[in-house]
Amino acid sequence: MCRDLGNSVAQSTALPKLSKNNDVNPASHLLFLDEQSGDSDTTKLEPTPLAPDQKLKLEERISSAAIKIVVHPTVFITPKILKLYIDIQKLLKKPESLGEVLDLYASKSILKPGTDPVQFRPSNPHKTSSAVPLSFANDALSIAIDARDLPSCLDIIKNTVCTTAYRRSKILRRAMLRMTGLALSLLAAYTLASQLSAYSDSITPEMATQVAFAGILSYVGFTATLGVVAVTTANDQMDRVT
């Protein structure tokens, strides 16, 4: 609802006003809408001018309502709710509260279900699941940049990409990819070594498998080392930063 109201206020300068129109819509007869009204008049929406100060007050009220909903102790901020809140503030062009809400996403206390009176348990803001998705951080930062709000930009950066949870999540994502590649390479090397051992007549198949496996790992490790050295020592001083 807050997003719909914000979209209406942000994209238009008029509010709908109810008025009466004597023109009867034939479709309303088919839907029995006129029978419920009791007369032949139909309700029509007509725009009324919205003054700049009225628009500003509406934006403030919508933004304040969204903030109150998100910061309420019993509201658990899911990624979907966080995305919706960022979209609302983007429509209203109000980034002032984004830093606080992004911090609450990771540190807000969690409601214990089935407790009477209501009880909460503290959350761990440093775990990887508490990291704000990078796309959300980029959207929030774009709102603050467009509004030319430097303090909000710094708060957003501090509560997103500078957090321990984000660094752990980033390391975990990169480590998972490399560990998966390493595990698959070991499996492929052992399978290939066991197949090559069948062609050996001088040593036992077990010994041939071990020798072939060690040779394949040495080749893969040497090639990977060359690749790492080439990437880390690339000559990029001529790249121009604009």
Protein backbone atom coordinates (compact mmCIF):
# COMPACT_ATOMS: atom_id res chain seq x y z
CA MET A 1 0.00 0.00 0.00
CA CYS A 2 2.80 2.43 0.88
CA ARG A 3 4.47 1.71 -2.45
CA ASP A 4 1.23 2.31 -4.38
CA LEU A 5 0.63 5.58 -2.56
CA GLY A 6 4.20 6.67 -3.09
CA ASN A 7 4.00 5.83 -6.77
CA SER A 8 0.79 7.83 -7.11
CA VAL A 9 2.26 10.86 -5.35
CA ALA A 10 5.61 10.68 -7.13
CA GLN A 11 4.26 10.29 -10.66
CA SER A 12 1.36 12.72 -10.50
CA THR A 13 0.49 16.10 -9.12
CA ALA A 14 -3.19 15.39 -8.56
CA LEU A 15 -5.34 13.38 -6.20
CA PRO A 16 -8.51 11.57 -7.29
CA LYS A 17 -11.74 13.22 -6.26
CA LEU A 18 -15.17 11.60 -6.30
CA SER A 19 -17.80 13.28 -8.40
CA LYS A 20 -21.15 12.41 -9.90
CA ASN A 21 -21.73 11.89 -13.57
CA ASN A 22 -25.15 11.45 -15.10
CA ASP A 23 -23.80 9.44 -18.02
CA VAL A 24 -24.77 5.81 -17.46
CA ASN A 25 -22.21 3.20 -18.38
CA PRO A 26 -23.87 0.18 -20.06
CA ALA A 27 -21.26 -2.14 -18.60
CA SER A 28 -22.31 -1.11 -15.10
CA HIS A 29 -25.83 -2.40 -15.78
CA LEU A 30 -24.44 -5.76 -16.73
CA LEU A 31 -22.43 -5.91 -13.53
CA PHE A 32 -25.40 -4.71 -11.43
CA LEU A 33 -23.38 -1.79 -10.10
CA ASP A 34 -26.15 0.73 -10.66
CA GLU A 35 -28.65 -1.39 -8.79
CA GLN A 36 -26.49 -1.21 -5.68
CA SER A 37 -26.24 2.58 -5.87
CA GLY A 38 -30.01 3.00 -5.93
CA ASP A 39 -30.04 5.57 -8.75
CA SER A 40 -28.79 6.01 -12.28
CA ASP A 41 -25.81 8.20 -11.29
CA THR A 42 -22.37 6.64 -11.52
CA THR A 43 -19.30 7.59 -9.53
CA LYS A 44 -16.41 9.07 -11.45
CA LEU A 45 -12.88 9.90 -10.42
CA GLU A 46 -11.68 13.34 -11.33
CA PRO A 47 -8.25 14.75 -10.50
CA THR A 48 -7.91 17.77 -8.26
CA PRO A 49 -4.77 19.92 -8.22
CA LEU A 50 -2.17 18.92 -5.65
CA ALA A 51 -0.16 21.80 -4.22
CA PRO A 52 3.61 21.33 -3.76
CA ASP A 53 3.32 21.64 0.00
CA GLN A 54 0.55 19.02 0.04
CA LYS A 55 2.68 16.68 -2.05
CA LEU A 56 5.59 17.18 0.33
CA LYS A 57 3.42 16.43 3.35
CA LEU A 58 2.06 13.29 1.72
CA GLU A 59 5.55 12.09 0.90
CA GLU A 60 6.61 12.69 4.51
CA ARG A 61 3.61 10.80 5.87
CA ILE A 62 4.10 7.84 3.52
CA SER A 63 7.81 7.64 4.32
CA SER A 64 7.11 7.92 8.05
CA ALA A 65 4.49 5.15 7.86
CA ALA A 66 6.91 2.85 6.03
CA ILE A 67 9.62 3.51 8.62
CA LYS A 68 7.25 2.80 11.52
CA ILE A 69 6.26 -0.52 9.96
CA VAL A 70 9.83 -1.66 9.38
CA VAL A 71 11.22 -0.62 12.77
CA HIS A 72 8.32 -2.13 14.71
CA PRO A 73 9.75 -4.72 17.14
CA THR A 74 7.48 -7.55 15.95
CA VAL A 75 8.24 -7.08 12.24
CA PHE A 76 10.93 -9.40 10.90
CA ILE A 77 12.76 -7.75 8.01
CA THR A 78 13.00 -10.28 5.19
CA PRO A 79 14.83 -9.58 1.91
CA LYS A 80 11.45 -9.04 0.24
CA ILE A 81 10.43 -6.43 2.84
CA LEU A 82 13.80 -4.72 2.57
CA LYS A 83 13.52 -4.55 -1.21
CA LEU A 84 10.00 -3.14 -0.94
CA TYR A 85 11.14 -0.50 1.55
CA ILE A 86 14.01 0.57 -0.71
CA ASP A 87 11.60 0.86 -3.64
CA ILE A 88 9.27 3.05 -1.58
CA GLN A 89 12.05 5.43 -0.58
CA LYS A 90 13.25 5.47 -4.18
CA LEU A 91 9.83 6.68 -5.32
CA LEU A 92 9.76 9.29 -2.58
CA LYS A 93 13.45 10.23 -3.06
CA LYS A 94 14.09 10.06 0.67
CA PRO A 95 17.31 8.19 1.51
CA GLU A 96 17.72 9.51 5.05
CA SER A 97 16.43 6.35 6.77
CA LEU A 98 18.03 3.76 4.49
CA GLY A 99 21.21 3.45 6.56
CA GLU A 100 19.24 2.76 9.73
CA VAL A 101 16.99 0.16 8.09
CA LEU A 102 19.95 -1.60 6.45
CA ASP A 103 21.55 -1.84 9.89
CA LEU A 104 18.32 -3.24 11.36
CA TYR A 105 18.24 -5.89 8.64
CA ALA A 106 21.28 -7.48 10.26
CA SER A 107 20.98 -6.51 13.93
CA LYS A 108 17.25 -6.38 14.71
CA SER A 109 16.08 -8.70 17.50
CA ILE A 110 14.01 -11.69 16.42
CA LEU A 111 10.60 -12.43 17.89
CA LYS A 112 10.31 -15.76 19.71
CA PRO A 113 7.20 -17.54 18.40
CA GLY A 114 4.53 -18.63 20.87
CA THR A 115 5.71 -16.49 23.77
CA ASP A 116 3.30 -14.63 26.06
CA PRO A 117 4.31 -11.96 26.94
CA VAL A 118 6.25 -11.29 23.78
CA GLN A 119 9.94 -12.16 24.01
CA PHE A 120 12.82 -11.53 21.66
CA ARG A 121 16.18 -13.13 21.04
CA PRO A 122 19.20 -11.19 19.81
CA SER A 123 20.36 -11.77 16.26
CA ASN A 124 23.93 -12.23 15.12
CA PRO A 125 24.80 -9.36 12.77
CA HIS A 126 28.09 -11.02 11.77
CA LYS A 127 26.72 -14.21 10.25
CA THR A 128 26.70 -14.55 6.48
CA SER A 129 22.90 -14.64 6.22
CA SER A 130 22.76 -11.14 7.74
CA ALA A 131 24.68 -9.63 4.83
CA VAL A 132 22.69 -7.18 2.72
CA PRO A 133 22.53 -8.34 -0.92
CA LEU A 134 24.81 -6.29 -3.12
CA SER A 135 21.97 -5.37 -5.50
CA PHE A 136 20.01 -3.87 -2.59
CA ALA A 137 23.06 -1.91 -1.48
CA ASN A 138 23.56 -0.56 -5.00
CA ASP A 139 19.91 0.51 -5.25
CA ALA A 140 20.03 2.27 -1.87
CA LEU A 141 23.30 3.99 -2.73
CA SER A 142 21.89 5.18 -6.05
CA ILE A 143 18.96 6.80 -4.22
CA ALA A 144 21.31 8.65 -1.89
CA ILE A 145 23.56 9.74 -4.76
CA ASP A 146 20.62 11.05 -6.76
CA ALA A 147 19.47 12.99 -3.69
CA ARG A 148 23.05 14.27 -3.16
CA ASP A 149 22.92 13.13 0.44
CA LEU A 150 26.52 12.38 1.43
CA PRO A 151 25.79 11.30 5.06
CA SER A 152 23.24 8.77 3.80
CA CYS A 153 25.76 7.47 1.26
CA LEU A 154 28.31 6.89 4.00
CA ASP A 155 25.74 5.20 6.25
CA ILE A 156 24.64 2.89 3.44
CA ILE A 157 28.22 1.91 2.61
CA LYS A 158 29.02 1.39 6.30
CA ASN A 159 26.00 -0.88 6.88
CA THR A 160 26.36 -2.95 3.69
CA VAL A 161 29.73 -3.63 2.07
CA CYS A 162 31.78 -2.66 5.13
CA THR A 163 30.16 -5.12 7.51
CA THR A 164 31.74 -8.34 8.73
CA ALA A 165 28.75 -10.30 7.45
CA TYR A 166 29.24 -9.04 3.90
CA ARG A 167 32.97 -9.82 3.94
CA ARG A 168 32.29 -13.32 5.22
CA SER A 169 29.58 -13.84 2.63
CA LYS A 170 31.89 -12.65 -0.14
CA ILE A 171 34.72 -14.92 1.01
CA LEU A 172 32.33 -17.84 1.35
CA ARG A 173 30.97 -17.37 -2.17
CA ARG A 174 34.45 -17.23 -3.65
CA ALA A 175 35.72 -20.09 -1.50
CA MET A 176 32.75 -22.28 -2.41
CA LEU A 177 33.47 -21.84 -6.11
CA ARG A 178 37.14 -22.66 -5.71
CA MET A 179 36.55 -25.55 -3.33
CA THR A 180 33.99 -27.02 -5.71
CA GLY A 181 36.47 -26.76 -8.58
CA LEU A 182 39.20 -28.36 -6.46
CA ALA A 183 36.96 -31.25 -5.43
CA LEU A 184 35.87 -31.88 -9.01
CA SER A 185 39.48 -31.74 -10.24
CA LEU A 186 40.58 -34.28 -7.62
CA LEU A 187 37.73 -36.59 -8.56
CA ALA A 188 38.50 -36.26 -12.27
CA ALA A 189 42.23 -36.83 -11.66
CA TYR A 190 41.64 -39.99 -9.64
CA THR A 191 39.19 -41.35 -12.21
CA LEU A 192 41.65 -40.71 -15.03
CA ALA A 193 44.51 -42.25 -13.03
CA SER A 194 42.52 -45.41 -12.35
CA GLN A 195 41.78 -45.73 -16.05
CA LEU A 196 45.44 -45.25 -17.01
CA SER A 197 46.57 -47.90 -14.52
CA ALA A 198 45.01 -50.58 -16.71
CA TYR A 199 47.68 -49.99 -19.36
CA SER A 200 50.59 -50.73 -16.98
CA ASP A 201 52.18 -54.20 -17.00
CA SER A 202 55.31 -53.55 -14.93
CA ILE A 203 53.72 -52.46 -11.64
CA THR A 204 50.56 -53.30 -9.80
CA PRO A 205 47.37 -51.42 -10.70
CA GLU A 206 47.28 -49.81 -7.25
CA MET A 207 50.79 -48.45 -7.59
CA ALA A 208 50.13 -47.32 -11.16
CA THR A 209 47.01 -45.48 -10.00
CA GLN A 210 48.95 -43.66 -7.29
CA VAL A 211 51.76 -42.68 -9.66
CA ALA A 212 49.35 -41.45 -12.33
CA PHE A 213 47.29 -39.57 -9.74
CA ALA A 214 50.39 -37.83 -8.39
CA GLY A 215 51.51 -36.90 -11.89
CA ILE A 216 48.15 -35.44 -12.85
CA LEU A 217 47.97 -33.41 -9.63
CA SER A 218 51.48 -32.10 -10.22
CA TYR A 219 50.56 -30.97 -13.72
CA VAL A 220 47.31 -29.32 -12.57
CA GLY A 221 49.03 -27.63 -9.65
CA PHE A 222 51.90 -26.32 -11.79
CA THR A 223 49.51 -24.97 -14.44
CA ALA A 224 47.30 -23.35 -11.81
CA THR A 225 50.34 -21.70 -10.21
CA LEU A 226 51.36 -20.21 -13.55
CA GLY A 227 47.84 -18.88 -14.00
CA VAL A 228 47.81 -17.25 -10.56
CA VAL A 229 51.19 -15.64 -11.17
CA ALA A 230 50.05 -14.33 -14.56
CA VAL A 231 46.88 -12.80 -13.10
CA THR A 232 48.47 -11.23 -10.03
CA THR A 233 51.42 -9.74 -11.92
CA ALA A 234 49.48 -8.39 -14.90
CA ASN A 235 50.84 -5.07 -16.13
CA ASP A 236 47.83 -2.78 -15.85
CA GLN A 237 49.49 0.53 -15.05
CA MET A 238 48.43 1.88 -18.43
CA ASP A 239 44.69 1.45 -17.72
CA ARG A 240 43.16 4.90 -17.47
CA VAL A 241 40.72 5.52 -14.64
CA THR A 242 37.97 7.96 -15.56
